[in-house]
Amino acid sequence: MRKSLFFISAASFSLVFLLNGCGTLTSPIKEKQSANVGNQVTQQVVAAPVYKRGEIISSPEAAQQLLIEGNRRFTSGNTLSKDLSLTRRSDLIKNGQHPFAVILSCSDSRVPPELLLDQALGDLFVVRVAGNVVSPVEVGSIEYAVEHLNVPLVVVLGHEECGAVTAAVQGGENHGSIEDILDKIKPSVSKARKSGAIGKDLIEKSSDLNIQNALCEISKSPIIQEGVKAKQIRIIGAKYDLDEGVLKFMNDYSI
């Protein structure tokens, strides 16, 4: 059985909120003295809430809910302050990492999972590759997280206006190993064309199908299959809206 990780920052006064039984918010209040026309005025300055997950997450449903809530904070501009201290880093070394979700995402610089999902050190096991495509290397990384770190949720995260998908749709000559990435996406593009999609709709339809294809590839893993059948693991697709900042989950992929 895993050890539960729990920490509440010490302060003269703190307000603690429980988030679905899975994390804590600690909001210390400090006093600051400032001069105002020769008079001393005491101001109450509330520090940003510090988030640190309070327990190990083993439920796929609870893990997905944490991601939903994190993205809501991100889109509302109310992201939490993260504990990046030496104490926290040392704790992760001493007690090991216990991420609650694997995120296979595109390498696009506008789609950083830890930020758009508002998570902290040790929360997410992130695998990034252009076009969020899947090869044995990506599957192996996911298998490691599931088998050795007991991560209950696997998310394939695509996004709108994906450059890799757009390149696969437009075709043309590509140098180096870029073509290897596009070859992974082209079957989704062909399927999207058959649906009658054109223009921007073709790109977005191809992106959606590319996410589904990645889920299919991941689901072929015997390790993943075992976890899904035991209902210990959920694999799910999601798509990120670049300007709105909203992450929308797609239907669960079932074996």
Foldseek 3Di string as FASTA:
>chain_A
DADWAADADDEPDWDWDQDVVWKIWTKHKDWDWDDDPNDIDIDIDIDFTEIDTGGADQAQVVLVVLQQVQLVCLLVVNAGHYPPDPVVVVCCVVRPAQAQEEEQEEPPPLCDSCRNSRHYPRHYRYHYHQLSFDDVVVLVSVLCCCVVNVHAEYEYEYEAPRPLLVCLLVDDDDDDCSVVVSVRQNVLLVVLVVVVDDDSRSSVSSSVVSQVSRLVVSCVDPSNVVCVVVSRHWYWYWYAYRPSSDIGTDDTDHD
